[in-house]
Amino acid sequence: MQYFYSPSTAGFYVDSVHSTMPDDVFPISEQLHEDLLAGQAAGKVITLLGVANVGLTDPVVPEKTWDDIRDKRDELLTQSDWTQTSDNALSEDMKEEWRVYRKTLRDIPSTFAKPSLVVWPAIPGEV
């Protein structure tokens, strides 16, 4: 039994199972096949490393933008709007913690120099 990998389909093929295969398949060992599947299951990405050579790399994580940060901040503010209503059941101390938390969220764009440096404040009561 021979294993193959196709860059165009990012798929594996086995000669005893697949009667037709893409034109760009190349042979890989059974051990490499197992290693690639295990690496993929662990969060790695199967990557073409050259002509007829495949391996594992870390996934590329897109850099956060200020729009991403503002979207998350706005979502957190919306989720905590209830803490600012006059008829909520929070103690005065908890109301103050939530007020500070929400102000910290609103100040994030002016507090941090770039999105990758943003540290999100702890949600009151979860510290």
N, C-alpha and C. Protein backbone atom coordinates (compact mmCIF):
# COMPACT_ATOMS: atom_id res chain seq x y z
N MET A 1 0.86 -1.17 0.00
CA MET A 1 0.00 0.00 0.00
C MET A 1 0.90 1.23 0.00
N GLN A 2 0.65 2.16 -0.93
CA GLN A 2 1.44 3.38 -1.04
C GLN A 2 0.55 4.59 -0.78
N TYR A 3 1.07 5.53 0.04
CA TYR A 3 0.36 6.77 0.35
C TYR A 3 0.86 7.88 -0.55
N PHE A 4 -0.06 8.81 -0.86
CA PHE A 4 0.28 9.96 -1.69
C PHE A 4 -0.34 11.21 -1.07
N TYR A 5 0.23 12.36 -1.41
CA TYR A 5 -0.33 13.64 -0.97
C TYR A 5 -0.49 14.52 -2.20
N SER A 6 -1.59 15.26 -2.25
CA SER A 6 -1.86 16.19 -3.35
C SER A 6 -1.93 17.62 -2.82
N PRO A 7 -1.02 18.49 -3.25
CA PRO A 7 -1.08 19.89 -2.82
C PRO A 7 -2.34 20.62 -3.31
N SER A 8 -2.82 20.26 -4.50
CA SER A 8 -3.98 20.99 -5.04
C SER A 8 -5.26 20.70 -4.26
N THR A 9 -5.37 19.50 -3.72
CA THR A 9 -6.57 19.16 -2.95
C THR A 9 -6.30 19.14 -1.45
N ALA A 10 -5.01 19.28 -1.09
CA ALA A 10 -4.59 19.17 0.32
C ALA A 10 -5.12 17.87 0.91
N GLY A 11 -5.05 16.81 0.09
CA GLY A 11 -5.61 15.54 0.52
C GLY A 11 -4.64 14.38 0.36
N PHE A 12 -4.95 13.33 1.07
CA PHE A 12 -4.17 12.10 1.01
C PHE A 12 -4.88 11.10 0.10
N TYR A 13 -4.08 10.27 -0.52
CA TYR A 13 -4.61 9.23 -1.39
C TYR A 13 -3.84 7.94 -1.12
N VAL A 14 -4.51 6.82 -1.29
CA VAL A 14 -3.90 5.51 -1.11
C VAL A 14 -4.16 4.73 -2.39
N ASP A 15 -3.09 4.15 -2.96
CA ASP A 15 -3.24 3.48 -4.25
C ASP A 15 -4.23 2.32 -4.23
N SER A 16 -4.37 1.67 -3.09
CA SER A 16 -5.30 0.54 -3.03
C SER A 16 -6.76 0.99 -2.87
N VAL A 17 -6.98 2.28 -2.62
CA VAL A 17 -8.34 2.79 -2.41
C VAL A 17 -8.77 3.69 -3.57
N HIS A 18 -7.86 4.51 -4.04
CA HIS A 18 -8.20 5.51 -5.07
C HIS A 18 -7.70 5.05 -6.44
N SER A 19 -8.63 4.85 -7.35
CA SER A 19 -8.24 4.43 -8.70
C SER A 19 -7.77 5.60 -9.54
N THR A 20 -8.28 6.81 -9.22
CA THR A 20 -7.80 8.02 -9.89
C THR A 20 -7.35 9.00 -8.83
N MET A 21 -6.30 9.75 -9.19
CA MET A 21 -5.72 10.74 -8.27
C MET A 21 -5.38 11.99 -9.06
N PRO A 22 -5.31 13.13 -8.40
CA PRO A 22 -4.91 14.36 -9.09
C PRO A 22 -3.51 14.20 -9.71
N ASP A 23 -3.24 15.03 -10.70
CA ASP A 23 -1.96 14.95 -11.40
C ASP A 23 -0.76 15.32 -10.52
N ASP A 24 -1.02 16.09 -9.44
CA ASP A 24 0.12 16.59 -8.66
C ASP A 24 0.46 15.74 -7.43
N VAL A 25 -0.11 14.53 -7.31
CA VAL A 25 0.21 13.70 -6.15
C VAL A 25 1.68 13.30 -6.17
N PHE A 26 2.22 13.12 -4.97
CA PHE A 26 3.57 12.56 -4.85
C PHE A 26 3.55 11.58 -3.69
N PRO A 27 4.42 10.59 -3.73
CA PRO A 27 4.40 9.55 -2.70
C PRO A 27 4.94 10.06 -1.36
N ILE A 28 4.35 9.58 -0.29
CA ILE A 28 4.84 9.85 1.06
C ILE A 28 4.86 8.52 1.81
N SER A 29 5.66 8.46 2.83
CA SER A 29 5.74 7.22 3.61
C SER A 29 4.53 7.08 4.52
N GLU A 30 4.29 5.87 4.94
CA GLU A 30 3.19 5.62 5.88
C GLU A 30 3.44 6.38 7.18
N GLN A 31 4.70 6.44 7.62
CA GLN A 31 5.04 7.15 8.84
C GLN A 31 4.77 8.65 8.70
N LEU A 32 5.14 9.25 7.55
CA LEU A 32 4.86 10.67 7.33
C LEU A 32 3.36 10.90 7.30
N HIS A 33 2.61 10.03 6.68
CA HIS A 33 1.16 10.13 6.65
C HIS A 33 0.60 10.19 8.08
N GLU A 34 1.05 9.26 8.93
CA GLU A 34 0.60 9.23 10.33
C GLU A 34 1.03 10.48 11.08
N ASP A 35 2.28 10.93 10.86
CA ASP A 35 2.78 12.14 11.53
C ASP A 35 1.99 13.37 11.12
N LEU A 36 1.68 13.47 9.83
CA LEU A 36 0.91 14.63 9.35
C LEU A 36 -0.49 14.64 9.94
N LEU A 37 -1.14 13.50 9.99
CA LEU A 37 -2.48 13.45 10.57
C LEU A 37 -2.45 13.78 12.07
N ALA A 38 -1.44 13.25 12.78
CA ALA A 38 -1.33 13.55 14.21
C ALA A 38 -1.04 15.03 14.44
N GLY A 39 -0.17 15.60 13.62
CA GLY A 39 0.15 17.03 13.75
C GLY A 39 -1.05 17.90 13.46
N GLN A 40 -1.80 17.54 12.46
CA GLN A 40 -3.01 18.29 12.11
C GLN A 40 -4.02 18.23 13.25
N ALA A 41 -4.16 17.06 13.86
CA ALA A 41 -5.08 16.91 14.99
C ALA A 41 -4.62 17.75 16.18
N ALA A 42 -3.31 18.02 16.26
CA ALA A 42 -2.76 18.82 17.36
C ALA A 42 -2.73 20.31 17.04
N GLY A 43 -3.32 20.71 15.90
CA GLY A 43 -3.41 22.14 15.58
C GLY A 43 -2.40 22.64 14.58
N LYS A 44 -1.54 21.79 14.09
CA LYS A 44 -0.57 22.19 13.07
C LYS A 44 -1.25 22.22 11.70
N VAL A 45 -0.56 22.81 10.73
CA VAL A 45 -1.08 22.92 9.38
C VAL A 45 -0.16 22.14 8.45
N ILE A 46 -0.74 21.32 7.59
CA ILE A 46 0.05 20.60 6.60
C ILE A 46 0.42 21.59 5.51
N THR A 47 1.74 21.70 5.24
CA THR A 47 2.24 22.72 4.34
C THR A 47 3.20 22.12 3.32
N LEU A 48 3.07 22.54 2.09
CA LEU A 48 4.00 22.14 1.05
C LEU A 48 5.32 22.87 1.31
N LEU A 49 6.40 22.11 1.46
CA LEU A 49 7.69 22.69 1.81
C LEU A 49 8.64 22.76 0.63
N GLY A 50 8.22 22.32 -0.49
CA GLY A 50 9.03 22.31 -1.70
C GLY A 50 8.43 21.32 -2.66
N VAL A 51 9.14 21.05 -3.74
CA VAL A 51 8.64 20.09 -4.73
C VAL A 51 8.62 18.70 -4.09
N ALA A 52 7.46 18.11 -4.05
CA ALA A 52 7.28 16.76 -3.49
C ALA A 52 7.79 16.64 -2.06
N ASN A 53 7.54 17.68 -1.28
CA ASN A 53 7.94 17.66 0.13
C ASN A 53 6.85 18.36 0.94
N VAL A 54 6.37 17.70 1.95
CA VAL A 54 5.29 18.23 2.77
C VAL A 54 5.67 18.07 4.24
N GLY A 55 5.22 19.01 5.06
CA GLY A 55 5.52 18.95 6.49
C GLY A 55 4.47 19.71 7.28
N LEU A 56 4.77 19.95 8.53
CA LEU A 56 3.84 20.64 9.44
C LEU A 56 4.39 22.00 9.82
N THR A 57 3.52 22.98 9.89
CA THR A 57 3.88 24.31 10.36
C THR A 57 2.81 24.80 11.32
N ASP A 58 3.15 25.83 12.07
CA ASP A 58 2.16 26.46 12.94
C ASP A 58 1.19 27.25 12.09
N PRO A 59 -0.08 27.30 12.48
CA PRO A 59 -1.04 28.09 11.70
C PRO A 59 -0.69 29.57 11.77
N VAL A 60 -0.98 30.27 10.70
CA VAL A 60 -0.77 31.71 10.66
C VAL A 60 -1.96 32.38 11.32
N VAL A 61 -1.69 33.13 12.37
CA VAL A 61 -2.75 33.83 13.08
C VAL A 61 -2.75 35.28 12.58
N PRO A 62 -3.84 35.71 11.98
CA PRO A 62 -3.86 37.07 11.48
C PRO A 62 -3.72 38.07 12.62
N GLU A 63 -2.97 39.12 12.35
CA GLU A 63 -2.76 40.15 13.36
C GLU A 63 -4.06 40.90 13.61
N LYS A 64 -4.34 41.18 14.86
CA LYS A 64 -5.54 41.93 15.22
C LYS A 64 -5.41 43.37 14.74
N THR A 65 -6.55 43.92 14.34
CA THR A 65 -6.60 45.32 13.93
C THR A 65 -7.39 46.10 14.98
N TRP A 66 -7.33 47.42 14.88
CA TRP A 66 -8.12 48.23 15.81
C TRP A 66 -9.61 47.96 15.61
N ASP A 67 -10.02 47.66 14.40
CA ASP A 67 -11.44 47.32 14.17
C ASP A 67 -11.82 46.06 14.94
N ASP A 68 -10.93 45.05 14.95
CA ASP A 68 -11.18 43.82 15.72
C ASP A 68 -11.32 44.15 17.20
N ILE A 69 -10.42 44.98 17.70
CA ILE A 69 -10.41 45.33 19.12
C ILE A 69 -11.69 46.09 19.47
N ARG A 70 -12.06 47.04 18.64
CA ARG A 70 -13.28 47.81 18.91
C ARG A 70 -14.53 46.93 18.87
N ASP A 71 -14.56 45.98 17.94
CA ASP A 71 -15.70 45.05 17.86
C ASP A 71 -15.83 44.25 19.15
N LYS A 72 -14.72 43.72 19.63
CA LYS A 72 -14.77 42.94 20.88
C LYS A 72 -15.15 43.84 22.04
N ARG A 73 -14.55 45.04 22.09
CA ARG A 73 -14.86 45.96 23.17
C ARG A 73 -16.34 46.32 23.17
N ASP A 74 -16.88 46.61 22.01
CA ASP A 74 -18.30 46.98 21.91
C ASP A 74 -19.20 45.81 22.34
N GLU A 75 -18.79 44.59 22.00
CA GLU A 75 -19.57 43.41 22.41
C GLU A 75 -19.55 43.28 23.94
N LEU A 76 -18.38 43.47 24.54
CA LEU A 76 -18.28 43.38 26.01
C LEU A 76 -19.09 44.48 26.69
N LEU A 77 -19.08 45.66 26.11
CA LEU A 77 -19.88 46.75 26.67
C LEU A 77 -21.38 46.42 26.58
N THR A 78 -21.79 45.91 25.43
CA THR A 78 -23.20 45.54 25.26
C THR A 78 -23.62 44.47 26.26
N GLN A 79 -22.75 43.48 26.46
CA GLN A 79 -23.05 42.39 27.39
C GLN A 79 -23.14 42.89 28.83
N SER A 80 -22.53 44.02 29.12
CA SER A 80 -22.55 44.54 30.49
C SER A 80 -23.47 45.75 30.67
N ASP A 81 -24.24 46.09 29.66
CA ASP A 81 -25.16 47.23 29.76
C ASP A 81 -26.11 47.09 30.95
N TRP A 82 -26.56 45.88 31.23
CA TRP A 82 -27.52 45.65 32.30
C TRP A 82 -26.99 46.13 33.66
N THR A 83 -25.68 46.18 33.82
CA THR A 83 -25.10 46.58 35.11
C THR A 83 -25.30 48.06 35.39
N GLN A 84 -25.68 48.80 34.36
CA GLN A 84 -25.81 50.25 34.52
C GLN A 84 -27.24 50.73 34.67
N THR A 85 -28.18 49.79 34.67
CA THR A 85 -29.57 50.19 34.85
C THR A 85 -29.83 50.48 36.33
N SER A 86 -30.75 51.37 36.57
CA SER A 86 -31.01 51.78 37.95
C SER A 86 -31.70 50.69 38.77
N ASP A 87 -32.34 49.74 38.11
CA ASP A 87 -33.08 48.72 38.86
C ASP A 87 -32.35 47.37 38.94
N ASN A 88 -31.03 47.37 38.71
CA ASN A 88 -30.32 46.09 38.84
C ASN A 88 -30.10 45.78 40.31
N ALA A 89 -29.81 44.53 40.63
CA ALA A 89 -29.71 44.09 42.02
C ALA A 89 -28.27 44.09 42.55
N LEU A 90 -27.38 44.77 41.86
CA LEU A 90 -25.98 44.79 42.29
C LEU A 90 -25.78 45.67 43.52
N SER A 91 -24.82 45.29 44.33
CA SER A 91 -24.46 46.15 45.47
C SER A 91 -23.75 47.39 44.93
N GLU A 92 -23.65 48.40 45.77
CA GLU A 92 -22.97 49.63 45.34
C GLU A 92 -21.51 49.34 44.96
N ASP A 93 -20.84 48.47 45.71
CA ASP A 93 -19.45 48.12 45.40
C ASP A 93 -19.35 47.45 44.02
N MET A 94 -20.28 46.53 43.75
CA MET A 94 -20.26 45.86 42.45
C MET A 94 -20.61 46.82 41.31
N LYS A 95 -21.53 47.73 41.56
CA LYS A 95 -21.86 48.73 40.54
C LYS A 95 -20.62 49.55 40.19
N GLU A 96 -19.82 49.89 41.21
CA GLU A 96 -18.60 50.65 40.98
C GLU A 96 -17.57 49.82 40.20
N GLU A 97 -17.45 48.54 40.55
CA GLU A 97 -16.52 47.67 39.81
C GLU A 97 -16.90 47.60 38.33
N TRP A 98 -18.19 47.47 38.07
CA TRP A 98 -18.65 47.42 36.69
C TRP A 98 -18.44 48.76 35.99
N ARG A 99 -18.64 49.85 36.70
CA ARG A 99 -18.41 51.18 36.09
C ARG A 99 -16.95 51.32 35.68
N VAL A 100 -16.03 50.91 36.55
CA VAL A 100 -14.60 50.99 36.26
C VAL A 100 -14.23 50.06 35.10
N TYR A 101 -14.78 48.87 35.12
CA TYR A 101 -14.54 47.90 34.04
C TYR A 101 -14.97 48.49 32.70
N ARG A 102 -16.14 49.05 32.63
CA ARG A 102 -16.66 49.62 31.39
C ARG A 102 -15.84 50.82 30.93
N LYS A 103 -15.39 51.64 31.88
CA LYS A 103 -14.52 52.77 31.51
C LYS A 103 -13.20 52.27 30.96
N THR A 104 -12.66 51.22 31.58
CA THR A 104 -11.41 50.64 31.10
C THR A 104 -11.58 50.12 29.68
N LEU A 105 -12.71 49.48 29.40
CA LEU A 105 -12.99 49.02 28.04
C LEU A 105 -13.03 50.18 27.06
N ARG A 106 -13.75 51.24 27.44
CA ARG A 106 -13.87 52.39 26.53
C ARG A 106 -12.53 53.07 26.29
N ASP A 107 -11.62 53.00 27.26
CA ASP A 107 -10.32 53.66 27.14
C ASP A 107 -9.27 52.83 26.40
N ILE A 108 -9.57 51.60 26.05
CA ILE A 108 -8.57 50.73 25.42
C ILE A 108 -7.88 51.37 24.21
N PRO A 109 -8.61 51.94 23.26
CA PRO A 109 -7.91 52.51 22.10
C PRO A 109 -6.92 53.64 22.45
N SER A 110 -7.17 54.35 23.53
CA SER A 110 -6.24 55.41 23.90
C SER A 110 -5.19 54.96 24.91
N THR A 111 -5.37 53.75 25.47
CA THR A 111 -4.44 53.24 26.48
C THR A 111 -3.29 52.45 25.85
N PHE A 112 -3.56 51.74 24.77
CA PHE A 112 -2.55 50.86 24.17
C PHE A 112 -2.07 51.42 22.83
N ALA A 113 -0.77 51.28 22.58
CA ALA A 113 -0.17 51.83 21.37
C ALA A 113 -0.56 51.06 20.11
N LYS A 114 -0.75 49.75 20.24
CA LYS A 114 -1.15 48.96 19.07
C LYS A 114 -2.00 47.78 19.52
N PRO A 115 -2.81 47.26 18.61
CA PRO A 115 -3.77 46.20 18.97
C PRO A 115 -3.12 44.96 19.61
N SER A 116 -1.93 44.61 19.18
CA SER A 116 -1.30 43.40 19.72
C SER A 116 -0.91 43.54 21.19
N LEU A 117 -0.91 44.75 21.72
CA LEU A 117 -0.55 44.98 23.12
C LEU A 117 -1.74 45.02 24.06
N VAL A 118 -2.95 44.97 23.51
CA VAL A 118 -4.16 45.11 24.32
C VAL A 118 -4.26 43.96 25.34
N VAL A 119 -4.51 44.35 26.58
CA VAL A 119 -4.77 43.39 27.65
C VAL A 119 -6.19 43.70 28.13
N TRP A 120 -7.05 42.69 28.03
CA TRP A 120 -8.45 42.89 28.37
C TRP A 120 -8.62 42.89 29.89
N PRO A 121 -9.42 43.80 30.41
CA PRO A 121 -9.64 43.82 31.86
C PRO A 121 -10.47 42.62 32.30
N ALA A 122 -10.24 42.21 33.54
CA ALA A 122 -11.02 41.09 34.10
C ALA A 122 -12.46 41.53 34.32
N ILE A 123 -13.37 40.63 34.04
CA ILE A 123 -14.79 40.90 34.26
C ILE A 123 -15.04 40.90 35.76
N PRO A 124 -15.71 41.91 36.29
CA PRO A 124 -15.98 41.94 37.73
C PRO A 124 -16.63 40.65 38.21
N GLY A 125 -16.14 40.18 39.34
CA GLY A 125 -16.67 38.95 39.92
C GLY A 125 -15.97 37.71 39.42
N GLU A 126 -15.11 37.84 38.40
CA GLU A 126 -14.39 36.68 37.88
C GLU A 126 -12.91 36.73 38.23
N VAL A 127 -12.54 37.64 39.10
CA VAL A 127 -11.13 37.79 39.46
C VAL A 127 -10.75 36.76 40.50
